[in-house]
C-alpha atoms as a PDB file:
ATOM      1  CA  MET A   1      27.762  -4.920 -16.032  1.00  0.00           C
ATOM      2  CA  ILE A   2      28.685  -2.130 -13.361  1.00  0.00           C
ATOM      3  CA  ASP A   3      29.863  -4.456 -10.254  1.00  0.00           C
ATOM      4  CA  LEU A   4      27.585  -2.783  -7.064  1.00  0.00           C
ATOM      5  CA  ARG A   5      28.123  -5.896  -5.324  1.00  0.00           C
ATOM      6  CA  PHE A   6      29.493  -5.634  -1.860  1.00  0.00           C
ATOM      7  CA  SER A   7      33.043  -6.884  -0.452  1.00  0.00           C
ATOM      8  CA  GLU A   8      32.899  -9.657   2.417  1.00  0.00           C
ATOM      9  CA  GLU A   9      33.304  -7.434   5.339  1.00  0.00           C
ATOM     10  CA  GLU A  10      30.719  -4.783   3.828  1.00  0.00           C
ATOM     11  CA  LEU A  11      28.814  -8.074   3.613  1.00  0.00           C
ATOM     12  CA  ASP A  12      28.809  -8.267   7.252  1.00  0.00           C
ATOM     13  CA  THR A  13      28.423  -5.119   7.902  1.00  0.00           C
ATOM     14  CA  VAL A  14      25.262  -4.763   5.729  1.00  0.00           C
ATOM     15  CA  HIS A  15      23.579  -8.025   7.677  1.00  0.00           C
ATOM     16  CA  ASP A  16      24.160  -6.585  10.816  1.00  0.00           C
ATOM     17  CA  ARG A  17      22.967  -3.258  10.155  1.00  0.00           C
ATOM     18  CA  ILE A  18      19.611  -4.401   8.734  1.00  0.00           C
ATOM     19  CA  THR A  19      19.279  -6.989  11.278  1.00  0.00           C
ATOM     20  CA  GLY A  20      19.562  -4.693  13.718  1.00  0.00           C
ATOM     21  CA  PHE A  21      17.133  -2.000  12.021  1.00  0.00           C
ATOM     22  CA  ILE A  22      14.483  -4.882  12.145  1.00  0.00           C
ATOM     23  CA  ALA A  23      15.096  -6.022  16.162  1.00  0.00           C
ATOM     24  CA  ASP A  24      15.046  -1.822  16.413  1.00  0.00           C
ATOM     25  CA  THR A  25      12.061  -1.455  14.656  1.00  0.00           C
ATOM     26  CA  ILE A  26      10.057  -4.432  16.469  1.00  0.00           C
ATOM     27  CA  ASP A  27      11.793  -3.008  19.872  1.00  0.00           C
ATOM     28  CA  GLU A  28      10.336   0.511  19.047  1.00  0.00           C
ATOM     29  CA  ALA A  29       6.950  -0.470  18.299  1.00  0.00           C
ATOM     30  CA  GLY A  30       6.797  -2.668  21.248  1.00  0.00           C
ATOM     31  CA  ALA A  31       5.586  -4.986  19.473  1.00  0.00           C
ATOM     32  CA  ASP A  32       5.720  -8.957  19.576  1.00  0.00           C
ATOM     33  CA  GLY A  33       7.030 -10.029  16.500  1.00  0.00           C
ATOM     34  CA  ALA A  34       6.570  -9.448  12.598  1.00  0.00           C
ATOM     35  CA  ILE A  35       5.030 -10.754   9.908  1.00  0.00           C
ATOM     36  CA  LEU A  36       5.829 -11.236   6.103  1.00  0.00           C
ATOM     37  CA  GLY A  37       4.189 -12.088   2.940  1.00  0.00           C
ATOM     38  CA  LEU A  38       5.709 -15.010   1.298  1.00  0.00           C
ATOM     39  CA  SER A  39       6.040 -15.119  -2.588  1.00  0.00           C
ATOM     40  CA  GLY A  40       9.063 -17.549  -3.641  1.00  0.00           C
ATOM     41  CA  GLY A  41      10.902 -14.595  -4.678  1.00  0.00           C
ATOM     42  CA  ILE A  42      14.595 -13.688  -4.029  1.00  0.00           C
ATOM     43  CA  ASP A  43      12.826  -9.934  -2.022  1.00  0.00           C
ATOM     44  CA  SER A  44      10.866 -12.073   0.752  1.00  0.00           C
ATOM     45  CA  THR A  45      13.689 -14.939   1.018  1.00  0.00           C
ATOM     46  CA  LEU A  46      16.170 -12.963   2.146  1.00  0.00           C
ATOM     47  CA  THR A  47      14.046 -10.533   4.123  1.00  0.00           C
ATOM     48  CA  ALA A  48      12.581 -14.332   6.120  1.00  0.00           C
ATOM     49  CA  TYR A  49      16.209 -14.903   6.244  1.00  0.00           C
ATOM     50  CA  LEU A  50      17.172 -11.586   7.938  1.00  0.00           C
ATOM     51  CA  ALA A  51      14.366 -11.667   9.874  1.00  0.00           C
ATOM     52  CA  VAL A  52      14.717 -14.712  11.731  1.00  0.00           C
ATOM     53  CA  ASP A  53      18.495 -13.742  12.538  1.00  0.00           C
ATOM     54  CA  ALA A  54      16.943 -10.497  13.903  1.00  0.00           C
ATOM     55  CA  LEU A  55      14.030 -11.856  15.578  1.00  0.00           C
ATOM     56  CA  GLY A  56      14.566 -15.228  16.069  1.00  0.00           C
ATOM     57  CA  LYS A  57      11.985 -17.845  14.165  1.00  0.00           C
ATOM     58  CA  GLU A  58       9.688 -17.953  17.214  1.00  0.00           C
ATOM     59  CA  ASN A  59       8.544 -14.482  16.242  1.00  0.00           C
ATOM     60  CA  LEU A  60       8.304 -14.595  12.434  1.00  0.00           C
ATOM     61  CA  ARG A  61       5.099 -15.554  10.598  1.00  0.00           C
ATOM     62  CA  GLY A  62       4.588 -15.861   7.295  1.00  0.00           C
ATOM     63  CA  LEU A  63       1.967 -15.680   4.889  1.00  0.00           C
ATOM     64  CA  VAL A  64       2.034 -17.260   1.612  1.00  0.00           C
ATOM     65  CA  LEU A  65      -1.022 -15.798  -0.080  1.00  0.00           C
ATOM     66  CA  PRO A  66      -1.867 -17.451  -3.863  1.00  0.00           C
ATOM     67  CA  GLY A  67      -3.809 -16.071  -6.318  1.00  0.00           C
ATOM     68  CA  GLN A  68      -5.238 -17.527  -9.216  1.00  0.00           C
ATOM     69  CA  VAL A  69      -1.951 -16.568 -11.048  1.00  0.00           C
ATOM     70  CA  SER A  70       0.629 -17.466  -9.120  1.00  0.00           C
ATOM     71  CA  SER A  71       2.310 -20.439 -10.006  1.00  0.00           C
ATOM     72  CA  GLU A  72       2.999 -23.876  -7.869  1.00  0.00           C
ATOM     73  CA  GLU A  73       6.872 -23.424  -8.114  1.00  0.00           C
ATOM     74  CA  ASN A  74       6.448 -19.928  -6.547  1.00  0.00           C
ATOM     75  CA  MET A  75       3.994 -21.082  -3.765  1.00  0.00           C
ATOM     76  CA  SER A  76       5.993 -24.110  -2.920  1.00  0.00           C
ATOM     77  CA  ASP A  77       9.185 -21.995  -2.972  1.00  0.00           C
ATOM     78  CA  ALA A  78       7.120 -19.820  -0.714  1.00  0.00           C
ATOM     79  CA  GLU A  79       6.497 -23.031   1.419  1.00  0.00           C
ATOM     80  CA  ARG A  80       9.851 -24.272   1.737  1.00  0.00           C
ATOM     81  CA  VAL A  81      11.479 -20.947   2.673  1.00  0.00           C
ATOM     82  CA  ALA A  82       8.886 -21.023   5.925  1.00  0.00           C
ATOM     83  CA  ARG A  83       9.785 -24.484   6.494  1.00  0.00           C
ATOM     84  CA  ASP A  84      13.412 -24.063   6.205  1.00  0.00           C
ATOM     85  CA  LEU A  85      13.941 -21.634   8.534  1.00  0.00           C
ATOM     86  CA  GLU A  86      11.370 -23.515  10.988  1.00  0.00           C
ATOM     87  CA  ILE A  87       8.924 -20.873  10.999  1.00  0.00           C
ATOM     88  CA  GLU A  88       5.092 -20.447  11.429  1.00  0.00           C
ATOM     89  CA  TYR A  89       2.884 -19.629   8.339  1.00  0.00           C
ATOM     90  CA  ASP A  90      -0.632 -20.217   6.417  1.00  0.00           C
ATOM     91  CA  VAL A  91      -1.488 -20.272   3.374  1.00  0.00           C
ATOM     92  CA  ILE A  92      -4.836 -18.323   2.137  1.00  0.00           C
ATOM     93  CA  GLU A  93      -6.427 -18.348  -1.076  1.00  0.00           C
ATOM     94  CA  ILE A  94      -6.477 -15.048  -1.785  1.00  0.00           C
ATOM     95  CA  ASP A  95      -8.823 -15.566  -5.048  1.00  0.00           C
ATOM     96  CA  PRO A  96     -12.232 -15.381  -3.452  1.00  0.00           C
ATOM     97  CA  ILE A  97     -11.863 -11.891  -1.637  1.00  0.00           C
ATOM     98  CA  VAL A  98     -10.436 -10.792  -5.229  1.00  0.00           C
ATOM     99  CA  ASP A  99     -13.432 -12.095  -6.939  1.00  0.00           C
ATOM    100  CA  THR A 100     -15.990 -10.605  -4.699  1.00  0.00           C
ATOM    101  CA  PHE A 101     -14.626  -7.226  -5.155  1.00  0.00           C
ATOM    102  CA  VAL A 102     -14.072  -7.845  -8.732  1.00  0.00           C
ATOM    103  CA  SER A 103     -18.021  -8.830  -8.707  1.00  0.00           C
ATOM    104  CA  THR A 104     -19.139  -5.873  -7.031  1.00  0.00           C
ATOM    105  CA  VAL A 105     -17.484  -3.647  -9.807  1.00  0.00           C
ATOM    106  CA  PRO A 106     -18.258  -5.691 -13.380  1.00  0.00           C
ATOM    107  CA  GLU A 107     -16.580  -3.152 -15.516  1.00  0.00           C
ATOM    108  CA  VAL A 108     -12.983  -4.034 -14.327  1.00  0.00           C
ATOM    109  CA  LYS A 109     -13.316  -7.733 -15.073  1.00  0.00           C
ATOM    110  CA  GLY A 110     -10.392  -8.568 -17.531  1.00  0.00           C
ATOM    111  CA  ASP A 111      -8.423  -5.026 -16.555  1.00  0.00           C
ATOM    112  CA  HIS A 112      -5.511  -7.096 -15.707  1.00  0.00           C
ATOM    113  CA  VAL A 113      -3.375  -3.704 -13.930  1.00  0.00           C
ATOM    114  CA  ALA A 114      -6.348  -2.978 -11.450  1.00  0.00           C
ATOM    115  CA  VAL A 115      -7.373  -6.654 -10.869  1.00  0.00           C
ATOM    116  CA  GLY A 116      -3.203  -7.525 -10.111  1.00  0.00           C
ATOM    117  CA  ASN A 117      -2.901  -4.262  -8.036  1.00  0.00           C
ATOM    118  CA  ALA A 118      -6.318  -5.222  -6.566  1.00  0.00           C
ATOM    119  CA  ARG A 119      -4.670  -9.124  -5.607  1.00  0.00           C
ATOM    120  CA  ALA A 120      -1.684  -6.885  -4.048  1.00  0.00           C
ATOM    121  CA  ARG A 121      -3.483  -5.054  -1.838  1.00  0.00           C
ATOM    122  CA  VAL A 122      -6.131  -7.905  -0.558  1.00  0.00           C
ATOM    123  CA  ARG A 123      -2.559  -9.542   0.569  1.00  0.00           C
ATOM    124  CA  ALA A 124      -2.033  -6.482   2.283  1.00  0.00           C
ATOM    125  CA  VAL A 125      -5.026  -6.235   4.317  1.00  0.00           C
ATOM    126  CA  LEU A 126      -4.506 -10.092   5.064  1.00  0.00           C
ATOM    127  CA  ASN A 127      -0.756  -8.853   6.478  1.00  0.00           C
ATOM    128  CA  TYR A 128      -2.362  -6.513   8.582  1.00  0.00           C
ATOM    129  CA  LEU A 129      -5.476  -8.166   9.977  1.00  0.00           C
ATOM    130  CA  LEU A 130      -3.015 -11.099  11.509  1.00  0.00           C
ATOM    131  CA  ALA A 131      -0.506  -7.932  12.502  1.00  0.00           C
ATOM    132  CA  ASN A 132      -2.994  -6.179  14.287  1.00  0.00           C
ATOM    133  CA  HIS A 133      -4.357  -9.427  16.056  1.00  0.00           C
ATOM    134  CA  GLU A 134      -0.759 -10.784  16.940  1.00  0.00           C
ATOM    135  CA  ASN A 135       0.796  -7.588  17.866  1.00  0.00           C
ATOM    136  CA  ARG A 136       3.039  -7.296  15.229  1.00  0.00           C
ATOM    137  CA  ILE A 137       4.643  -5.456  12.858  1.00  0.00           C
ATOM    138  CA  VAL A 138       4.860  -5.928   9.013  1.00  0.00           C
ATOM    139  CA  LEU A 139       7.519  -6.136   7.051  1.00  0.00           C
ATOM    140  CA  GLY A 140       7.890  -5.290   3.899  1.00  0.00           C
ATOM    141  CA  THR A 141      10.184  -6.715   0.635  1.00  0.00           C
ATOM    142  CA  GLY A 142      11.035  -3.910  -1.486  1.00  0.00           C
ATOM    143  CA  ASN A 143      14.189  -2.812  -2.463  1.00  0.00           C
ATOM    144  CA  ARG A 144      16.262   0.158  -3.874  1.00  0.00           C
ATOM    145  CA  ALA A 145      15.734  -0.750  -7.241  1.00  0.00           C
ATOM    146  CA  GLU A 146      11.935  -1.475  -7.365  1.00  0.00           C
ATOM    147  CA  ALA A 147      11.499   1.421  -5.270  1.00  0.00           C
ATOM    148  CA  ALA A 148      13.136   4.080  -7.274  1.00  0.00           C
ATOM    149  CA  VAL A 149      10.857   3.305 -10.183  1.00  0.00           C
ATOM    150  CA  GLY A 150       7.799   2.627  -8.819  1.00  0.00           C
ATOM    151  CA  TYR A 151       7.633  -0.524  -9.325  1.00  0.00           C
ATOM    152  CA  PHE A 152       5.093  -1.707  -6.444  1.00  0.00           C
ATOM    153  CA  THR A 153       1.691  -0.941  -5.871  1.00  0.00           C
ATOM    154  CA  LYS A 154       0.507   1.841  -3.677  1.00  0.00           C
ATOM    155  CA  TYR A 155      -1.097   0.477  -0.785  1.00  0.00           C
ATOM    156  CA  GLY A 156      -0.135  -2.893  -1.933  1.00  0.00           C
ATOM    157  CA  ASP A 157       3.241  -4.317  -1.841  1.00  0.00           C
ATOM    158  CA  GLY A 158       3.814  -0.834  -0.525  1.00  0.00           C
ATOM    159  CA  ALA A 159       1.544  -1.235   2.243  1.00  0.00           C
ATOM    160  CA  VAL A 160       4.270  -2.293   5.608  1.00  0.00           C
ATOM    161  CA  ASP A 161       5.828  -0.870   8.109  1.00  0.00           C
ATOM    162  CA  CYS A 162       9.489  -1.087   7.368  1.00  0.00           C
ATOM    163  CA  HIS A 163      11.703  -2.222   4.121  1.00  0.00           C
ATOM    164  CA  PRO A 164      14.769  -3.949   5.718  1.00  0.00           C
ATOM    165  CA  ILE A 165      16.181  -4.534   2.456  1.00  0.00           C
ATOM    166  CA  GLY A 166      14.909  -1.185   1.128  1.00  0.00           C
ATOM    167  CA  ASN A 167      18.761   0.351   0.212  1.00  0.00           C
ATOM    168  CA  LEU A 168      19.436  -2.528  -1.763  1.00  0.00           C
ATOM    169  CA  TYR A 169      19.602  -2.784  -5.471  1.00  0.00           C
ATOM    170  CA  LYS A 170      18.811  -6.026  -7.252  1.00  0.00           C
ATOM    171  CA  GLN A 171      21.986  -6.963  -7.636  1.00  0.00           C
ATOM    172  CA  GLN A 172      23.101  -6.488  -4.279  1.00  0.00           C
ATOM    173  CA  VAL A 173      19.585  -8.400  -2.571  1.00  0.00           C
ATOM    174  CA  ARG A 174      21.271 -11.255  -4.715  1.00  0.00           C
ATOM    175  CA  GLN A 175      24.501 -11.325  -3.629  1.00  0.00           C
ATOM    176  CA  LEU A 176      23.317 -10.924   0.643  1.00  0.00           C
ATOM    177  CA  ALA A 177      20.683 -13.664  -0.052  1.00  0.00           C
ATOM    178  CA  ARG A 178      24.199 -15.967  -1.187  1.00  0.00           C
ATOM    179  CA  HIS A 179      25.703 -14.619   1.820  1.00  0.00           C
ATOM    180  CA  VAL A 180      23.310 -15.888   4.144  1.00  0.00           C
ATOM    181  CA  GLY A 181      22.743 -19.091   2.873  1.00  0.00           C
ATOM    182  CA  VAL A 182      19.522 -18.699   0.656  1.00  0.00           C
ATOM    183  CA  ALA A 183      19.680 -21.705  -1.978  1.00  0.00           C
ATOM    184  CA  GLU A 184      21.440 -20.880  -5.309  1.00  0.00           C
ATOM    185  CA  ASP A 185      18.051 -21.532  -7.163  1.00  0.00           C
ATOM    186  CA  LEU A 186      15.571 -19.209  -5.151  1.00  0.00           C
ATOM    187  CA  ALA A 187      18.363 -16.549  -5.434  1.00  0.00           C
ATOM    188  CA  ALA A 188      19.206 -16.988  -9.438  1.00  0.00           C
ATOM    189  CA  LYS A 189      15.272 -17.185  -9.981  1.00  0.00           C
ATOM    190  CA  THR A 190      13.372 -14.904 -12.190  1.00  0.00           C
ATOM    191  CA  PRO A 191      11.872 -12.350 -10.265  1.00  0.00           C
ATOM    192  CA  THR A 192       7.929 -11.587 -10.833  1.00  0.00           C
ATOM    193  CA  ALA A 193       5.625 -10.242  -8.621  1.00  0.00           C
ATOM    194  CA  GLU A 194       2.632 -12.290 -10.170  1.00  0.00           C
ATOM    195  CA  LEU A 195      -0.154  -9.625 -10.512  1.00  0.00           C
ATOM    196  CA  TRP A 196      -1.041 -11.375 -13.828  1.00  0.00           C
ATOM    197  CA  GLU A 197       0.142 -14.387 -15.841  1.00  0.00           C
ATOM    198  CA  ASP A 198       3.199 -14.868 -17.326  1.00  0.00           C
ATOM    199  CA  GLN A 199       3.991 -11.095 -15.968  1.00  0.00           C
ATOM    200  CA  THR A 200       7.964 -10.538 -15.048  1.00  0.00           C
ATOM    201  CA  ASP A 201       9.731  -7.956 -13.657  1.00  0.00           C
ATOM    202  CA  GLU A 202      11.726  -7.305 -16.269  1.00  0.00           C
ATOM    203  CA  GLY A 203       9.689  -7.725 -19.002  1.00  0.00           C
ATOM    204  CA  GLU A 204       6.893  -5.078 -17.557  1.00  0.00           C
ATOM    205  CA  LEU A 205       9.800  -2.651 -16.406  1.00  0.00           C
ATOM    206  CA  GLY A 206      11.117  -2.906 -20.180  1.00  0.00           C
ATOM    207  CA  ILE A 207      14.461  -3.439 -18.877  1.00  0.00           C
ATOM    208  CA  ASP A 208      16.695  -6.002 -16.396  1.00  0.00           C
ATOM    209  CA  TYR A 209      17.659  -5.716 -13.522  1.00  0.00           C
ATOM    210  CA  ASP A 210      21.913  -5.294 -14.066  1.00  0.00           C
ATOM    211  CA  THR A 211      21.216  -2.683 -16.174  1.00  0.00           C
ATOM    212  CA  LEU A 212      18.910  -0.763 -13.913  1.00  0.00           C
ATOM    213  CA  ASP A 213      20.644  -0.872 -11.034  1.00  0.00           C
ATOM    214  CA  ALA A 214      23.619   0.493 -13.119  1.00  0.00           C
ATOM    215  CA  VAL A 215      21.635   3.486 -14.174  1.00  0.00           C
ATOM    216  CA  LEU A 216      20.054   4.209 -10.577  1.00  0.00           C
ATOM    217  CA  ALA A 217      23.705   4.526  -9.238  1.00  0.00           C
ATOM    218  CA  LEU A 218      25.189   6.514 -11.526  1.00  0.00           C
ATOM    219  CA  HIS A 219      22.758   8.572 -12.805  1.00  0.00           C
ATOM    220  CA  ILE A 220      19.645   8.861  -9.741  1.00  0.00           C
ATOM    221  CA  ASP A 221      21.464   8.352  -7.087  1.00  0.00           C
ATOM    222  CA  GLY A 222      24.995   8.858  -8.535  1.00  0.00           C
ATOM    223  CA  PRO A 223      26.060  12.734 -10.266  1.00  0.00           C
ATOM    224  CA  LEU A 224      26.332  11.378 -13.632  1.00  0.00           C
ATOM    225  CA  SER A 225      24.836  13.033 -16.463  1.00  0.00           C
ATOM    226  CA  THR A 226      22.668  10.857 -19.152  1.00  0.00           C
ATOM    227  CA  SER A 227      25.199  10.828 -21.983  1.00  0.00           C
ATOM    228  CA  ALA A 228      28.237   9.639 -19.648  1.00  0.00           C
ATOM    229  CA  THR A 229      25.574   6.875 -17.865  1.00  0.00           C
ATOM    230  CA  SER A 230      24.791   5.725 -21.099  1.00  0.00           C
ATOM    231  CA  GLU A 231      28.552   5.190 -21.987  1.00  0.00           C
ATOM    232  CA  ALA A 232      29.409   3.813 -19.032  1.00  0.00           C
ATOM    233  CA  VAL A 233      26.572   1.148 -18.459  1.00  0.00           C
ATOM    234  CA  GLY A 234      26.618   0.182 -22.637  1.00  0.00           C
ATOM    235  CA  CYS A 235      23.274   1.395 -23.247  1.00  0.00           C
ATOM    236  CA  GLU A 236      21.382   3.600 -25.292  1.00  0.00           C
ATOM    237  CA  GLU A 237      20.191   7.016 -24.072  1.00  0.00           C
ATOM    238  CA  ARG A 238      17.026   6.408 -24.410  1.00  0.00           C
ATOM    239  CA  VAL A 239      17.350   3.732 -21.679  1.00  0.00           C
ATOM    240  CA  VAL A 240      18.905   6.498 -19.129  1.00  0.00           C
ATOM    241  CA  GLU A 241      16.327   8.904 -20.257  1.00  0.00           C
ATOM    242  CA  ASP A 242      13.287   6.205 -19.612  1.00  0.00           C
ATOM    243  CA  VAL A 243      14.710   5.508 -15.959  1.00  0.00           C
ATOM    244  CA  ARG A 244      14.797   8.971 -15.324  1.00  0.00           C
ATOM    245  CA  THR A 245      11.054   9.277 -16.518  1.00  0.00           C
ATOM    246  CA  LEU A 246       9.977   6.472 -14.311  1.00  0.00           C
ATOM    247  CA  TYR A 247      11.523   7.730 -10.989  1.00  0.00           C
ATOM    248  CA  GLU A 248       9.963  10.858 -11.520  1.00  0.00           C
ATOM    249  CA  ARG A 249       6.475   9.875 -12.164  1.00  0.00           C
ATOM    250  CA  SER A 250       6.732   7.359  -9.421  1.00  0.00           C
ATOM    251  CA  ALA A 251       7.683  10.127  -6.787  1.00  0.00           C
ATOM    252  CA  HIS A 252       4.218  10.106  -5.560  1.00  0.00           C
ATOM    253  CA  LYS A 253       4.429   6.619  -4.194  1.00  0.00           C
ATOM    254  CA  ARG A 254       7.929   7.165  -2.370  1.00  0.00           C
ATOM    255  CA  ALA A 255       5.658  10.299  -0.414  1.00  0.00           C
ATOM    256  CA  VAL A 256       3.256  10.738   2.269  1.00  0.00           C
ATOM    257  CA  PRO A 257      -0.497  11.584   0.138  1.00  0.00           C
ATOM    258  CA  PRO A 258       0.097  15.500   0.485  1.00  0.00           C
ATOM    259  CA  ALA A 259      -2.341  18.282   1.478  1.00  0.00           C
ATOM    260  CA  PRO A 260      -2.800  21.762   0.220  1.00  0.00           C
ATOM    261  CA  GLU A 261      -0.280  24.516   2.398  1.00  0.00           C
ATOM    262  CA  ARG A 262      -2.424  26.146   5.132  1.00  0.00           C
END
């Protein structure tokens, strides 16, 4: 494993930079607070802790949005985080809404990718429905590793006003979470977007996060060649090439939708 962890001094600096960013984003938008979707996963949990540090518990509202494939464990963890932080939160079942969409286009039934992405987009709509009503902004929970390979739903979990932890590799997310007091069982749990049954992030990506972080840091964000990265990380060159392909093919997700030149 390539060690991308921060020093203790750097952790404090990163914490202050992110909380300052959240507070500044709220102020610049003239907003009264923030909305955050809580999944029970480490990314949303860390974002919640940082948002409370930045805004105070009274200015963060959580939404727990379970679907048919959401595990009771994750939804329980999501509510646990909200209770631990003492923030206001709501639980809204999204299946009736998703089922309505699917019933209007019956041929998509059974297409777990299309329906899974619809679940993510329904959650985004609910986040913004409440955010607009209460003059709040929507906080994203995406990290650097997932953004780089396009591991998010366009106009779904990617539909947010800002990404507080968007510059952190997954290894750094876990480290900062422990630093701010997130319980170890949450910091170490297996990541899943729960878009379909038995889905896990690493299973869908086909690579573990430590390897992905390392390839991104050394090859995509860094200067090393494919062969040098392969040797440094201890993986096959094919793995490095696969990450490069994911990065290039997902560029559209990280950019404003294009228009023809004038």
